Amino acid sequence: MFKKQSHTSVSGRKWQVHVQALERSGMSRAEYCRQHDLSYHALTYWQRKLHHAEQPPVLVQIPTGQPMTRNPVRQQKNSGVSIQVNNRMRIELTEQFSPAALDKVLGVLEGR
């Protein structure tokens, strides 16, 4: 029996080849798209998507304005709120979480 490949995986591999070729070419994205009759916006999307998938998660310390204690997570009671991000990261909030700090964390994760 043959297993049918999904359109997304075939398309993803096609764009991965183009993204790698673009990086080796030394051309601008616009020039590469013109020469290969590709959508500039589609290539930009896939370039960002593929590079984002290759990057390991980065821990970023965001100052909250609250003094640090030795083991802040253990000393503060969990609020029961947990946010799962792309099955790669989880954010757990304490009862005294800072909405401003959470906004900064989400901003970093969203790239804003």
PDB file of N, CA and C in Angstrom:
ATOM      1  N   MET A   1       0.830  -1.182   0.000  1.00  0.00           N
ATOM      2  CA  MET A   1       0.000   0.000   0.000  1.00  0.00           C
ATOM      3  C   MET A   1       0.881   1.254   0.000  1.00  0.00           C
ATOM      4  N   PHE A   2       0.460   2.262  -0.721  1.00  0.00           N
ATOM      5  CA  PHE A   2       1.180   3.514  -0.763  1.00  0.00           C
ATOM      6  C   PHE A   2       0.508   4.508   0.171  1.00  0.00           C
ATOM      7  N   LYS A   3       1.345   5.239   0.883  1.00  0.00           N
ATOM      8  CA  LYS A   3       0.826   6.262   1.785  1.00  0.00           C
ATOM      9  C   LYS A   3       0.832   7.598   1.046  1.00  0.00           C
ATOM     10  N   LYS A   4      -0.299   8.240   0.992  1.00  0.00           N
ATOM     11  CA  LYS A   4      -0.413   9.532   0.306  1.00  0.00           C
ATOM     12  C   LYS A   4       0.256  10.614   1.151  1.00  0.00           C
ATOM     13  N   GLN A   5       1.142  11.388   0.515  1.00  0.00           N
ATOM     14  CA  GLN A   5       1.809  12.472   1.221  1.00  0.00           C
ATOM     15  C   GLN A   5       0.877  13.666   1.289  1.00  0.00           C
ATOM     16  N   SER A   6       0.921  14.337   2.415  1.00  0.00           N
ATOM     17  CA  SER A   6       0.070  15.518   2.553  1.00  0.00           C
ATOM     18  C   SER A   6       0.622  16.652   1.696  1.00  0.00           C
ATOM     19  N   HIS A   7      -0.272  17.488   1.242  1.00  0.00           N
ATOM     20  CA  HIS A   7       0.110  18.640   0.416  1.00  0.00           C
ATOM     21  C   HIS A   7       1.070  19.550   1.176  1.00  0.00           C
ATOM     22  N   THR A   8       0.836  19.705   2.486  1.00  0.00           N
ATOM     23  CA  THR A   8       1.669  20.592   3.289  1.00  0.00           C
ATOM     24  C   THR A   8       3.108  20.109   3.352  1.00  0.00           C
ATOM     25  N   SER A   9       3.333  18.812   3.546  1.00  0.00           N
ATOM     26  CA  SER A   9       4.703  18.322   3.660  1.00  0.00           C
ATOM     27  C   SER A   9       5.437  18.440   2.329  1.00  0.00           C
ATOM     28  N   VAL A  10       4.748  18.166   1.220  1.00  0.00           N
ATOM     29  CA  VAL A  10       5.368  18.309  -0.098  1.00  0.00           C
ATOM     30  C   VAL A  10       5.681  19.775  -0.354  1.00  0.00           C
ATOM     31  N   SER A  11       4.731  20.642  -0.062  1.00  0.00           N
ATOM     32  CA  SER A  11       4.930  22.073  -0.250  1.00  0.00           C
ATOM     33  C   SER A  11       6.058  22.588   0.648  1.00  0.00           C
ATOM     34  N   GLY A  12       6.063  22.121   1.889  1.00  0.00           N
ATOM     35  CA  GLY A  12       7.108  22.550   2.823  1.00  0.00           C
ATOM     36  C   GLY A  12       8.499  22.176   2.337  1.00  0.00           C
ATOM     37  N   ARG A  13       8.628  20.965   1.803  1.00  0.00           N
ATOM     38  CA  ARG A  13       9.941  20.538   1.283  1.00  0.00           C
ATOM     39  C   ARG A  13      10.341  21.370   0.075  1.00  0.00           C
ATOM     40  N   LYS A  14       9.380  21.685  -0.787  1.00  0.00           N
ATOM     41  CA  LYS A  14       9.655  22.523  -1.965  1.00  0.00           C
ATOM     42  C   LYS A  14      10.203  23.878  -1.520  1.00  0.00           C
ATOM     43  N   TRP A  15       9.527  24.482  -0.533  1.00  0.00           N
ATOM     44  CA  TRP A  15       9.958  25.802  -0.088  1.00  0.00           C
ATOM     45  C   TRP A  15      11.277  25.735   0.675  1.00  0.00           C
ATOM     46  N   GLN A  16      11.510  24.642   1.382  1.00  0.00           N
ATOM     47  CA  GLN A  16      12.783  24.490   2.095  1.00  0.00           C
ATOM     48  C   GLN A  16      13.940  24.484   1.086  1.00  0.00           C
ATOM     49  N   VAL A  17      13.756  23.811  -0.032  1.00  0.00           N
ATOM     50  CA  VAL A  17      14.778  23.790  -1.083  1.00  0.00           C
ATOM     51  C   VAL A  17      15.017  25.205  -1.596  1.00  0.00           C
ATOM     52  N   HIS A  18      13.952  25.953  -1.830  1.00  0.00           N
ATOM     53  CA  HIS A  18      14.109  27.329  -2.327  1.00  0.00           C
ATOM     54  C   HIS A  18      14.773  28.230  -1.288  1.00  0.00           C
ATOM     55  N   VAL A  19      14.391  28.092  -0.018  1.00  0.00           N
ATOM     56  CA  VAL A  19      14.996  28.923   1.033  1.00  0.00           C
ATOM     57  C   VAL A  19      16.496  28.654   1.111  1.00  0.00           C
ATOM     58  N   GLN A  20      16.882  27.396   1.065  1.00  0.00           N
ATOM     59  CA  GLN A  20      18.312  27.054   1.119  1.00  0.00           C
ATOM     60  C   GLN A  20      19.045  27.562  -0.117  1.00  0.00           C
ATOM     61  N   ALA A  21      18.421  27.430  -1.284  1.00  0.00           N
ATOM     62  CA  ALA A  21      19.041  27.913  -2.520  1.00  0.00           C
ATOM     63  C   ALA A  21      19.188  29.432  -2.496  1.00  0.00           C
ATOM     64  N   LEU A  22      18.184  30.120  -1.979  1.00  0.00           N
ATOM     65  CA  LEU A  22      18.262  31.580  -1.858  1.00  0.00           C
ATOM     66  C   LEU A  22      19.449  31.976  -1.000  1.00  0.00           C
ATOM     67  N   GLU A  23      19.623  31.310   0.132  1.00  0.00           N
ATOM     68  CA  GLU A  23      20.712  31.660   1.043  1.00  0.00           C
ATOM     69  C   GLU A  23      22.081  31.404   0.414  1.00  0.00           C
ATOM     70  N   ARG A  24      22.178  30.377  -0.407  1.00  0.00           N
ATOM     71  CA  ARG A  24      23.455  30.083  -1.081  1.00  0.00           C
ATOM     72  C   ARG A  24      23.699  31.006  -2.275  1.00  0.00           C
ATOM     73  N   SER A  25      22.622  31.554  -2.854  1.00  0.00           N
ATOM     74  CA  SER A  25      22.728  32.310  -4.103  1.00  0.00           C
ATOM     75  C   SER A  25      23.389  33.674  -3.957  1.00  0.00           C
ATOM     76  N   GLY A  26      23.229  34.292  -2.793  1.00  0.00           N
ATOM     77  CA  GLY A  26      23.746  35.648  -2.631  1.00  0.00           C
ATOM     78  C   GLY A  26      22.836  36.701  -3.241  1.00  0.00           C
ATOM     79  N   MET A  27      21.714  36.276  -3.820  1.00  0.00           N
ATOM     80  CA  MET A  27      20.759  37.214  -4.423  1.00  0.00           C
ATOM     81  C   MET A  27      19.823  37.779  -3.365  1.00  0.00           C
ATOM     82  N   SER A  28      19.210  38.889  -3.702  1.00  0.00           N
ATOM     83  CA  SER A  28      18.150  39.405  -2.839  1.00  0.00           C
ATOM     84  C   SER A  28      16.939  38.488  -3.002  1.00  0.00           C
ATOM     85  N   ARG A  29      16.038  38.529  -2.039  1.00  0.00           N
ATOM     86  CA  ARG A  29      14.839  37.699  -2.107  1.00  0.00           C
ATOM     87  C   ARG A  29      14.017  38.062  -3.353  1.00  0.00           C
ATOM     88  N   ALA A  30      13.894  39.354  -3.629  1.00  0.00           N
ATOM     89  CA  ALA A  30      13.112  39.805  -4.790  1.00  0.00           C
ATOM     90  C   ALA A  30      13.722  39.288  -6.090  1.00  0.00           C
ATOM     91  N   GLU A  31      15.045  39.389  -6.209  1.00  0.00           N
ATOM     92  CA  GLU A  31      15.720  38.926  -7.426  1.00  0.00           C
ATOM     93  C   GLU A  31      15.559  37.416  -7.592  1.00  0.00           C
ATOM     94  N   TYR A  32      15.719  36.671  -6.494  1.00  0.00           N
ATOM     95  CA  TYR A  32      15.564  35.213  -6.549  1.00  0.00           C
ATOM     96  C   TYR A  32      14.146  34.842  -6.984  1.00  0.00           C
ATOM     97  N   CYS A  33      13.154  35.533  -6.434  1.00  0.00           N
ATOM     98  CA  CYS A  33      11.754  35.250  -6.785  1.00  0.00           C
ATOM     99  C   CYS A  33      11.485  35.532  -8.260  1.00  0.00           C
ATOM    100  N   ARG A  34      12.049  36.627  -8.765  1.00  0.00           N
ATOM    101  CA  ARG A  34      11.858  36.946 -10.192  1.00  0.00           C
ATOM    102  C   ARG A  34      12.463  35.853 -11.069  1.00  0.00           C
ATOM    103  N   GLN A  35      13.680  35.419 -10.735  1.00  0.00           N
ATOM    104  CA  GLN A  35      14.366  34.427 -11.557  1.00  0.00           C
ATOM    105  C   GLN A  35      13.703  33.050 -11.501  1.00  0.00           C
ATOM    106  N   HIS A  36      13.020  32.743 -10.397  1.00  0.00           N
ATOM    107  CA  HIS A  36      12.410  31.420 -10.234  1.00  0.00           C
ATOM    108  C   HIS A  36      10.881  31.471 -10.311  1.00  0.00           C
ATOM    109  N   ASP A  37      10.345  32.629 -10.701  1.00  0.00           N
ATOM    110  CA  ASP A  37       8.899  32.812 -10.843  1.00  0.00           C
ATOM    111  C   ASP A  37       8.155  32.379  -9.578  1.00  0.00           C
ATOM    112  N   LEU A  38       8.585  32.930  -8.429  1.00  0.00           N
ATOM    113  CA  LEU A  38       7.988  32.608  -7.134  1.00  0.00           C
ATOM    114  C   LEU A  38       7.326  33.844  -6.537  1.00  0.00           C
ATOM    115  N   SER A  39       6.384  33.617  -5.675  1.00  0.00           N
ATOM    116  CA  SER A  39       5.755  34.703  -4.938  1.00  0.00           C
ATOM    117  C   SER A  39       6.717  35.189  -3.846  1.00  0.00           C
ATOM    118  N   TYR A  40       7.003  36.474  -3.863  1.00  0.00           N
ATOM    119  CA  TYR A  40       7.895  37.070  -2.866  1.00  0.00           C
ATOM    120  C   TYR A  40       7.345  36.847  -1.457  1.00  0.00           C
ATOM    121  N   HIS A  41       6.042  37.052  -1.298  1.00  0.00           N
ATOM    122  CA  HIS A  41       5.424  36.932   0.018  1.00  0.00           C
ATOM    123  C   HIS A  41       5.421  35.481   0.508  1.00  0.00           C
ATOM    124  N   ALA A  42       5.201  34.544  -0.397  1.00  0.00           N
ATOM    125  CA  ALA A  42       5.223  33.130  -0.008  1.00  0.00           C
ATOM    126  C   ALA A  42       6.630  32.721   0.419  1.00  0.00           C
ATOM    127  N   LEU A  43       7.647  33.163  -0.320  1.00  0.00           N
ATOM    128  CA  LEU A  43       9.024  32.826   0.049  1.00  0.00           C
ATOM    129  C   LEU A  43       9.380  33.449   1.392  1.00  0.00           C
ATOM    130  N   THR A  44       8.945  34.674   1.635  1.00  0.00           N
ATOM    131  CA  THR A  44       9.187  35.326   2.926  1.00  0.00           C
ATOM    132  C   THR A  44       8.536  34.540   4.049  1.00  0.00           C
ATOM    133  N   TYR A  45       7.288  34.120   3.846  1.00  0.00           N
ATOM    134  CA  TYR A  45       6.577  33.329   4.851  1.00  0.00           C
ATOM    135  C   TYR A  45       7.347  32.050   5.177  1.00  0.00           C
ATOM    136  N   TRP A  46       7.721  31.306   4.151  1.00  0.00           N
ATOM    137  CA  TRP A  46       8.396  30.033   4.383  1.00  0.00           C
ATOM    138  C   TRP A  46       9.796  30.223   4.958  1.00  0.00           C
ATOM    139  N   GLN A  47      10.478  31.286   4.572  1.00  0.00           N
ATOM    140  CA  GLN A  47      11.799  31.550   5.129  1.00  0.00           C
ATOM    141  C   GLN A  47      11.685  31.783   6.633  1.00  0.00           C
ATOM    142  N   ARG A  48      10.726  32.592   7.049  1.00  0.00           N
ATOM    143  CA  ARG A  48      10.524  32.837   8.478  1.00  0.00           C
ATOM    144  C   ARG A  48      10.074  31.577   9.199  1.00  0.00           C
ATOM    145  N   LYS A  49       9.148  30.848   8.592  1.00  0.00           N
ATOM    146  CA  LYS A  49       8.606  29.634   9.211  1.00  0.00           C
ATOM    147  C   LYS A  49       9.712  28.597   9.411  1.00  0.00           C
ATOM    148  N   LEU A  50      10.518  28.372   8.398  1.00  0.00           N
ATOM    149  CA  LEU A  50      11.568  27.362   8.485  1.00  0.00           C
ATOM    150  C   LEU A  50      12.677  27.779   9.430  1.00  0.00           C
ATOM    151  N   HIS A  51      13.047  29.048   9.434  1.00  0.00           N
ATOM    152  CA  HIS A  51      14.095  29.505  10.353  1.00  0.00           C
ATOM    153  C   HIS A  51      13.605  29.457  11.788  1.00  0.00           C
ATOM    154  N   HIS A  52      12.334  29.791  12.002  1.00  0.00           N
ATOM    155  CA  HIS A  52      11.774  29.749  13.349  1.00  0.00           C
ATOM    156  C   HIS A  52      11.756  28.315  13.872  1.00  0.00           C
ATOM    157  N   ALA A  53      11.434  27.366  13.009  1.00  0.00           N
ATOM    158  CA  ALA A  53      11.366  25.958  13.417  1.00  0.00           C
ATOM    159  C   ALA A  53      12.748  25.411  13.756  1.00  0.00           C
ATOM    160  N   GLU A  54      13.806  25.956  13.124  1.00  0.00           N
ATOM    161  CA  GLU A  54      15.177  25.481  13.367  1.00  0.00           C
ATOM    162  C   GLU A  54      15.759  26.028  14.654  1.00  0.00           C
ATOM    163  N   GLN A  55      15.259  27.160  15.107  1.00  0.00           N
ATOM    164  CA  GLN A  55      15.826  27.817  16.271  1.00  0.00           C
ATOM    165  C   GLN A  55      15.394  27.141  17.560  1.00  0.00           C
ATOM    166  N   PRO A  56      16.344  26.812  18.433  1.00  0.00           N
ATOM    167  CA  PRO A  56      15.944  26.257  19.727  1.00  0.00           C
ATOM    168  C   PRO A  56      15.310  27.351  20.576  1.00  0.00           C
ATOM    169  N   PRO A  57      14.451  26.982  21.501  1.00  0.00           N
ATOM    170  CA  PRO A  57      13.843  28.007  22.345  1.00  0.00           C
ATOM    171  C   PRO A  57      14.912  28.744  23.148  1.00  0.00           C
ATOM    172  N   VAL A  58      14.721  30.026  23.331  1.00  0.00           N
ATOM    173  CA  VAL A  58      15.664  30.864  24.067  1.00  0.00           C
ATOM    174  C   VAL A  58      14.975  31.359  25.323  1.00  0.00           C
ATOM    175  N   LEU A  59      15.648  31.212  26.437  1.00  0.00           N
ATOM    176  CA  LEU A  59      15.111  31.734  27.683  1.00  0.00           C
ATOM    177  C   LEU A  59      15.505  33.192  27.805  1.00  0.00           C
ATOM    178  N   VAL A  60      14.540  34.019  28.084  1.00  0.00           N
ATOM    179  CA  VAL A  60      14.778  35.451  28.203  1.00  0.00           C
ATOM    180  C   VAL A  60      14.311  35.893  29.579  1.00  0.00           C
ATOM    181  N   GLN A  61      15.218  36.518  30.331  1.00  0.00           N
ATOM    182  CA  GLN A  61      14.834  37.023  31.637  1.00  0.00           C
ATOM    183  C   GLN A  61      14.231  38.411  31.448  1.00  0.00           C
ATOM    184  N   ILE A  62      13.034  38.580  31.965  1.00  0.00           N
ATOM    185  CA  ILE A  62      12.342  39.856  31.839  1.00  0.00           C
ATOM    186  C   ILE A  62      12.166  40.427  33.233  1.00  0.00           C
ATOM    187  N   PRO A  63      12.737  41.614  33.460  1.00  0.00           N
ATOM    188  CA  PRO A  63      12.599  42.200  34.793  1.00  0.00           C
ATOM    189  C   PRO A  63      11.136  42.525  35.094  1.00  0.00           C
ATOM    190  N   THR A  64      10.721  42.202  36.301  1.00  0.00           N
ATOM    191  CA  THR A  64       9.330  42.439  36.683  1.00  0.00           C
ATOM    192  C   THR A  64       9.193  43.602  37.653  1.00  0.00           C
ATOM    193  N   GLY A  65      10.313  44.095  38.141  1.00  0.00           N
ATOM    194  CA  GLY A  65      10.258  45.166  39.124  1.00  0.00           C
ATOM    195  C   GLY A  65      10.077  44.640  40.534  1.00  0.00           C
ATOM    196  N   GLN A  66       9.939  43.330  40.670  1.00  0.00           N
ATOM    197  CA  GLN A  66       9.808  42.720  41.989  1.00  0.00           C
ATOM    198  C   GLN A  66      11.155  42.130  42.385  1.00  0.00           C
ATOM    199  N   PRO A  67      11.525  42.244  43.682  1.00  0.00           N
ATOM    200  CA  PRO A  67      12.819  41.705  44.087  1.00  0.00           C
ATOM    201  C   PRO A  67      12.852  40.187  43.920  1.00  0.00           C
ATOM    202  N   MET A  68      14.016  39.687  43.515  1.00  0.00           N
ATOM    203  CA  MET A  68      14.188  38.251  43.342  1.00  0.00           C
ATOM    204  C   MET A  68      14.422  37.599  44.699  1.00  0.00           C
ATOM    205  N   THR A  69      13.834  36.448  44.880  1.00  0.00           N
ATOM    206  CA  THR A  69      14.098  35.649  46.066  1.00  0.00           C
ATOM    207  C   THR A  69      14.823  34.388  45.618  1.00  0.00           C
ATOM    208  N   ARG A  70      15.287  33.607  46.538  1.00  0.00           N
ATOM    209  CA  ARG A  70      16.071  32.418  46.180  1.00  0.00           C
ATOM    210  C   ARG A  70      15.337  31.482  45.245  1.00  0.00           C
ATOM    211  N   ASN A  71      14.192  31.027  45.605  1.00  0.00           N
ATOM    212  CA  ASN A  71      13.394  30.108  44.792  1.00  0.00           C
ATOM    213  C   ASN A  71      11.984  30.670  44.651  1.00  0.00           C
ATOM    214  N   PRO A  72      11.817  31.695  43.797  1.00  0.00           N
ATOM    215  CA  PRO A  72      10.525  32.364  43.719  1.00  0.00           C
ATOM    216  C   PRO A  72       9.376  31.441  43.320  1.00  0.00           C
ATOM    217  N   VAL A  73       9.617  30.464  42.464  1.00  0.00           N
ATOM    218  CA  VAL A  73       8.537  29.595  42.014  1.00  0.00           C
ATOM    219  C   VAL A  73       8.070  28.702  43.158  1.00  0.00           C
ATOM    220  N   ARG A  74       9.006  28.225  43.970  1.00  0.00           N
ATOM    221  CA  ARG A  74       8.637  27.353  45.080  1.00  0.00           C
ATOM    222  C   ARG A  74       7.964  28.121  46.206  1.00  0.00           C
ATOM    223  N   GLN A  75       8.321  29.392  46.386  1.00  0.00           N
ATOM    224  CA  GLN A  75       7.769  30.162  47.488  1.00  0.00           C
ATOM    225  C   GLN A  75       6.391  30.723  47.163  1.00  0.00           C
ATOM    226  N   GLN A  76       6.085  30.898  45.905  1.00  0.00           N
ATOM    227  CA  GLN A  76       4.796  31.450  45.523  1.00  0.00           C
ATOM    228  C   GLN A  76       3.863  30.315  45.124  1.00  0.00           C
ATOM    229  N   LYS A  77       2.623  30.462  45.447  1.00  0.00           N
ATOM    230  CA  LYS A  77       1.637  29.442  45.135  1.00  0.00           C
ATOM    231  C   LYS A  77       1.236  29.546  43.668  1.00  0.00           C
ATOM    232  N   ASN A  78       1.145  28.396  43.001  1.00  0.00           N
ATOM    233  CA  ASN A  78       0.751  28.340  41.607  1.00  0.00           C
ATOM    234  C   ASN A  78      -0.709  28.758  41.468  1.00  0.00           C
ATOM    235  N   SER A  79      -1.010  29.533  40.428  1.00  0.00           N
ATOM    236  CA  SER A  79      -2.380  30.007  40.216  1.00  0.00           C
ATOM    237  C   SER A  79      -3.247  28.983  39.503  1.00  0.00           C
ATOM    238  N   GLY A  80      -2.618  27.949  38.975  1.00  0.00           N
ATOM    239  CA  GLY A  80      -3.363  26.965  38.206  1.00  0.00           C
ATOM    240  C   GLY A  80      -3.467  27.328  36.737  1.00  0.00           C
ATOM    241  N   VAL A  81      -2.928  28.490  36.350  1.00  0.00           N
ATOM    242  CA  VAL A  81      -2.967  28.909  34.953  1.00  0.00           C
ATOM    243  C   VAL A  81      -1.661  28.491  34.296  1.00  0.00           C
ATOM    244  N   SER A  82      -1.777  27.738  33.227  1.00  0.00           N
ATOM    245  CA  SER A  82      -0.621  27.270  32.478  1.00  0.00           C
ATOM    246  C   SER A  82      -0.898  27.506  31.003  1.00  0.00           C
ATOM    247  N   ILE A  83       0.050  28.113  30.294  1.00  0.00           N
ATOM    248  CA  ILE A  83      -0.113  28.429  28.878  1.00  0.00           C
ATOM    249  C   ILE A  83       0.870  27.577  28.095  1.00  0.00           C
ATOM    250  N   GLN A  84       0.352  26.746  27.191  1.00  0.00           N
ATOM    251  CA  GLN A  84       1.193  25.896  26.337  1.00  0.00           C
ATOM    252  C   GLN A  84       1.419  26.643  25.024  1.00  0.00           C
ATOM    253  N   VAL A  85       2.681  26.761  24.585  1.00  0.00           N
ATOM    254  CA  VAL A  85       3.022  27.482  23.361  1.00  0.00           C
ATOM    255  C   VAL A  85       3.656  26.500  22.378  1.00  0.00           C
ATOM    256  N   ASN A  86       2.965  26.208  21.293  1.00  0.00           N
ATOM    257  CA  ASN A  86       3.474  25.362  20.208  1.00  0.00           C
ATOM    258  C   ASN A  86       4.041  24.024  20.666  1.00  0.00           C
ATOM    259  N   ASN A  87       3.519  23.454  21.717  1.00  0.00           N
ATOM    260  CA  ASN A  87       3.984  22.177  22.247  1.00  0.00           C
ATOM    261  C   ASN A  87       5.478  22.170  22.558  1.00  0.00           C
ATOM    262  N   ARG A  88       6.097  23.347  22.653  1.00  0.00           N
ATOM    263  CA  ARG A  88       7.522  23.429  22.957  1.00  0.00           C
ATOM    264  C   ARG A  88       7.782  24.135  24.277  1.00  0.00           C
ATOM    265  N   MET A  89       6.906  25.036  24.655  1.00  0.00           N
ATOM    266  CA  MET A  89       7.125  25.839  25.849  1.00  0.00           C
ATOM    267  C   MET A  89       5.862  25.867  26.684  1.00  0.00           C
ATOM    268  N   ARG A  90       6.041  26.067  27.972  1.00  0.00           N
ATOM    269  CA  ARG A  90       4.891  26.217  28.856  1.00  0.00           C
ATOM    270  C   ARG A  90       5.192  27.363  29.812  1.00  0.00           C
ATOM    271  N   ILE A  91       4.208  28.209  30.011  1.00  0.00           N
ATOM    272  CA  ILE A  91       4.312  29.330  30.946  1.00  0.00           C
ATOM    273  C   ILE A  91       3.352  29.036  32.080  1.00  0.00           C
ATOM    274  N   GLU A  92       3.860  28.996  33.298  1.00  0.00           N
ATOM    275  CA  GLU A  92       3.009  28.776  34.461  1.00  0.00           C
ATOM    276  C   GLU A  92       2.998  30.050  35.287  1.00  0.00           C
ATOM    277  N   LEU A  93       1.815  30.464  35.692  1.00  0.00           N
ATOM    278  CA  LEU A  93       1.662  31.709  36.428  1.00  0.00           C
ATOM    279  C   LEU A  93       1.446  31.432  37.911  1.00  0.00           C
ATOM    280  N   THR A  94       2.053  32.268  38.728  1.00  0.00           N
ATOM    281  CA  THR A  94       1.813  32.189  40.163  1.00  0.00           C
ATOM    282  C   THR A  94       0.605  33.063  40.490  1.00  0.00           C
ATOM    283  N   GLU A  95       0.135  32.978  41.723  1.00  0.00           N
ATOM    284  CA  GLU A  95      -1.018  33.802  42.114  1.00  0.00           C
ATOM    285  C   GLU A  95      -0.701  35.286  42.020  1.00  0.00           C
ATOM    286  N   GLN A  96       0.559  35.669  42.245  1.00  0.00           N
ATOM    287  CA  GLN A  96       0.946  37.078  42.205  1.00  0.00           C
ATOM    288  C   GLN A  96       1.588  37.468  40.873  1.00  0.00           C
ATOM    289  N   PHE A  97       1.217  36.802  39.772  1.00  0.00           N
ATOM    290  CA  PHE A  97       1.860  37.116  38.492  1.00  0.00           C
ATOM    291  C   PHE A  97       1.597  38.561  38.105  1.00  0.00           C
ATOM    292  N   SER A  98       2.540  39.102  37.340  1.00  0.00           N
ATOM    293  CA  SER A  98       2.431  40.478  36.869  1.00  0.00           C
ATOM    294  C   SER A  98       1.864  40.481  35.450  1.00  0.00           C
ATOM    295  N   PRO A  99       0.695  41.089  35.230  1.00  0.00           N
ATOM    296  CA  PRO A  99       0.155  41.161  33.872  1.00  0.00           C
ATOM    297  C   PRO A  99       1.121  41.855  32.899  1.00  0.00           C
ATOM    298  N   ALA A 100       1.848  42.854  33.382  1.00  0.00           N
ATOM    299  CA  ALA A 100       2.805  43.560  32.516  1.00  0.00           C
ATOM    300  C   ALA A 100       3.939  42.623  32.101  1.00  0.00           C
ATOM    301  N   ALA A 101       4.431  41.819  33.044  1.00  0.00           N
ATOM    302  CA  ALA A 101       5.503  40.873  32.726  1.00  0.00           C
ATOM    303  C   ALA A 101       5.001  39.807  31.757  1.00  0.00           C
ATOM    304  N   LEU A 102       3.776  39.324  31.970  1.00  0.00           N
ATOM    305  CA  LEU A 102       3.202  38.336  31.060  1.00  0.00           C
ATOM    306  C   LEU A 102       3.079  38.925  29.656  1.00  0.00           C
ATOM    307  N   ASP A 103       2.661  40.172  29.549  1.00  0.00           N
ATOM    308  CA  ASP A 103       2.555  40.836  28.251  1.00  0.00           C
ATOM    309  C   ASP A 103       3.915  40.903  27.568  1.00  0.00           C
ATOM    310  N   LYS A 104       4.972  41.187  28.333  1.00  0.00           N
ATOM    311  CA  LYS A 104       6.333  41.236  27.762  1.00  0.00           C
ATOM    312  C   LYS A 104       6.753  39.862  27.282  1.00  0.00           C
ATOM    313  N   VAL A 105       6.489  38.829  28.066  1.00  0.00           N
ATOM    314  CA  VAL A 105       6.855  37.466  27.668  1.00  0.00           C
ATOM    315  C   VAL A 105       6.135  37.092  26.387  1.00  0.00           C
ATOM    316  N   LEU A 106       4.838  37.334  26.322  1.00  0.00           N
ATOM    317  CA  LEU A 106       4.078  37.010  25.126  1.00  0.00           C
ATOM    318  C   LEU A 106       4.564  37.819  23.925  1.00  0.00           C
ATOM    319  N   GLY A 107       4.972  39.063  24.173  1.00  0.00           N
ATOM    320  CA  GLY A 107       5.527  39.897  23.096  1.00  0.00           C
ATOM    321  C   GLY A 107       6.796  39.314  22.529  1.00  0.00           C
ATOM    322  N   VAL A 108       7.670  38.820  23.413  1.00  0.00           N
ATOM    323  CA  VAL A 108       8.925  38.194  22.961  1.00  0.00           C
ATOM    324  C   VAL A 108       8.602  36.942  22.139  1.00  0.00           C
ATOM    325  N   LEU A 109       7.671  36.126  22.624  1.00  0.00           N
ATOM    326  CA  LEU A 109       7.320  34.897  21.914  1.00  0.00           C
ATOM    327  C   LEU A 109       6.665  35.171  20.566  1.00  0.00           C
ATOM    328  N   GLU A 110       5.896  36.261  20.483  1.00  0.00           N
ATOM    329  CA  GLU A 110       5.229  36.612  19.238  1.00  0.00           C
ATOM    330  C   GLU A 110       6.126  37.422  18.304  1.00  0.00           C
ATOM    331  N   GLY A 111       7.288  37.847  18.806  1.00  0.00           N
ATOM    332  CA  GLY A 111       8.218  38.625  17.995  1.00  0.00           C
ATOM    333  C   GLY A 111       7.814  40.059  17.802  1.00  0.00           C
ATOM    334  N   ARG A 112       7.103  40.616  18.792  1.00  0.00           N
ATOM    335  CA  ARG A 112       6.706  42.043  18.655  1.00  0.00           C
ATOM    336  C   ARG A 112       7.573  42.916  19.515  1.00  0.00           C
TER     337      ARG A 112
END
